[in-house]
Amino acid sequence: MREQAKRWLTDQMEQNHISAEVVANVLEIPVEKLLIGTDKVLEADEFLRVCAYLHFRPENIPID
């Protein structure tokens, strides 16, 4: 589930032309945690902060 939620967030950032670098700098989290294909895990609090920053409600993210 983690990777699927992270993938959805990164897809949304890409579609909205928001760079992972900007989000990482503003939220003070390592940019590697926002990139797919890295072994860095986006922790729950970081995930919620990214959702808040992007104005996404986490409960509306389509996770199977």
C-alpha atoms as a PDB file:
ATOM      1  CA  MET A   1       0.000   0.000   0.000  1.00  0.00           C
ATOM      2  CA  ARG A   2       2.798   2.436   0.801  1.00  0.00           C
ATOM      3  CA  GLU A   3       4.301   2.269  -2.652  1.00  0.00           C
ATOM      4  CA  GLN A   4       0.879   2.568  -4.288  1.00  0.00           C
ATOM      5  CA  ALA A   5       0.009   5.710  -2.296  1.00  0.00           C
ATOM      6  CA  LYS A   6       3.439   7.188  -2.995  1.00  0.00           C
ATOM      7  CA  ARG A   7       3.041   6.429  -6.702  1.00  0.00           C
ATOM      8  CA  TRP A   8      -0.391   8.127  -6.721  1.00  0.00           C
ATOM      9  CA  LEU A   9       1.034  11.229  -5.025  1.00  0.00           C
ATOM     10  CA  THR A  10       3.943  11.473  -7.429  1.00  0.00           C
ATOM     11  CA  ASP A  11       1.576  11.050 -10.383  1.00  0.00           C
ATOM     12  CA  GLN A  12      -0.582  13.880  -9.054  1.00  0.00           C
ATOM     13  CA  MET A  13       2.446  16.118  -8.551  1.00  0.00           C
ATOM     14  CA  GLU A  14       3.553  15.422 -12.109  1.00  0.00           C
ATOM     15  CA  GLN A  15       0.082  16.090 -13.559  1.00  0.00           C
ATOM     16  CA  ASN A  16      -0.106  19.375 -11.658  1.00  0.00           C
ATOM     17  CA  HIS A  17       3.462  20.386 -12.616  1.00  0.00           C
ATOM     18  CA  ILE A  18       4.688  20.389  -9.019  1.00  0.00           C
ATOM     19  CA  SER A  19       8.236  19.177  -8.609  1.00  0.00           C
ATOM     20  CA  ALA A  20       9.234  16.738  -5.905  1.00  0.00           C
ATOM     21  CA  GLU A  21      12.169  19.011  -5.127  1.00  0.00           C
ATOM     22  CA  VAL A  22       9.894  21.952  -4.290  1.00  0.00           C
ATOM     23  CA  VAL A  23       7.624  19.827  -2.083  1.00  0.00           C
ATOM     24  CA  ALA A  24      10.632  18.284  -0.336  1.00  0.00           C
ATOM     25  CA  ASN A  25      12.209  21.689   0.299  1.00  0.00           C
ATOM     26  CA  VAL A  26       9.016  23.265   1.624  1.00  0.00           C
ATOM     27  CA  LEU A  27       8.191  20.310   3.873  1.00  0.00           C
ATOM     28  CA  GLU A  28      11.825  19.631   4.809  1.00  0.00           C
ATOM     29  CA  ILE A  29      11.794  15.959   3.861  1.00  0.00           C
ATOM     30  CA  PRO A  30      14.398  14.173   1.729  1.00  0.00           C
ATOM     31  CA  VAL A  31      13.466  14.366  -1.955  1.00  0.00           C
ATOM     32  CA  GLU A  32      14.352  10.670  -2.335  1.00  0.00           C
ATOM     33  CA  LYS A  33      11.278   9.841  -0.256  1.00  0.00           C
ATOM     34  CA  LEU A  34       9.091  11.418  -2.956  1.00  0.00           C
ATOM     35  CA  LEU A  35      10.660   9.560  -5.843  1.00  0.00           C
ATOM     36  CA  ILE A  36       9.528   6.190  -7.161  1.00  0.00           C
ATOM     37  CA  GLY A  37      12.187   3.517  -7.388  1.00  0.00           C
ATOM     38  CA  THR A  38      14.160   4.538  -4.323  1.00  0.00           C
ATOM     39  CA  ASP A  39      14.407   2.478  -1.173  1.00  0.00           C
ATOM     40  CA  LYS A  40      13.454   5.489   0.942  1.00  0.00           C
ATOM     41  CA  VAL A  41      10.058   5.159   2.635  1.00  0.00           C
ATOM     42  CA  LEU A  42       7.674   8.070   3.024  1.00  0.00           C
ATOM     43  CA  GLU A  43       6.621   7.896   6.679  1.00  0.00           C
ATOM     44  CA  ALA A  44       2.961   8.341   7.640  1.00  0.00           C
ATOM     45  CA  ASP A  45       3.415  11.857   9.043  1.00  0.00           C
ATOM     46  CA  GLU A  46       5.366  12.905   5.946  1.00  0.00           C
ATOM     47  CA  PHE A  47       2.682  11.405   3.707  1.00  0.00           C
ATOM     48  CA  LEU A  48      -0.019  13.379   5.534  1.00  0.00           C
ATOM     49  CA  ARG A  49       2.020  16.589   5.300  1.00  0.00           C
ATOM     50  CA  VAL A  50       2.440  16.089   1.548  1.00  0.00           C
ATOM     51  CA  CYS A  51      -1.307  15.488   1.204  1.00  0.00           C
ATOM     52  CA  ALA A  52      -2.055  18.663   3.156  1.00  0.00           C
ATOM     53  CA  TYR A  53       0.427  20.679   1.107  1.00  0.00           C
ATOM     54  CA  LEU A  54      -1.114  19.433  -2.150  1.00  0.00           C
ATOM     55  CA  HIS A  55      -4.675  19.821  -0.802  1.00  0.00           C
ATOM     56  CA  PHE A  56      -5.503  16.121  -1.156  1.00  0.00           C
ATOM     57  CA  ARG A  57      -7.614  14.262   1.356  1.00  0.00           C
ATOM     58  CA  PRO A  58      -5.783  10.999   2.101  1.00  0.00           C
ATOM     59  CA  GLU A  59      -9.050   9.075   2.450  1.00  0.00           C
ATOM     60  CA  ASN A  60      -9.899   9.938  -1.172  1.00  0.00           C
ATOM     61  CA  ILE A  61      -6.730   8.396  -2.612  1.00  0.00           C
ATOM     62  CA  PRO A  62      -7.739   5.344  -4.644  1.00  0.00           C
ATOM     63  CA  ILE A  63      -5.893   2.444  -3.005  1.00  0.00           C
ATOM     64  CA  ASP A  64      -6.810  -1.147  -3.809  1.00  0.00           C
END
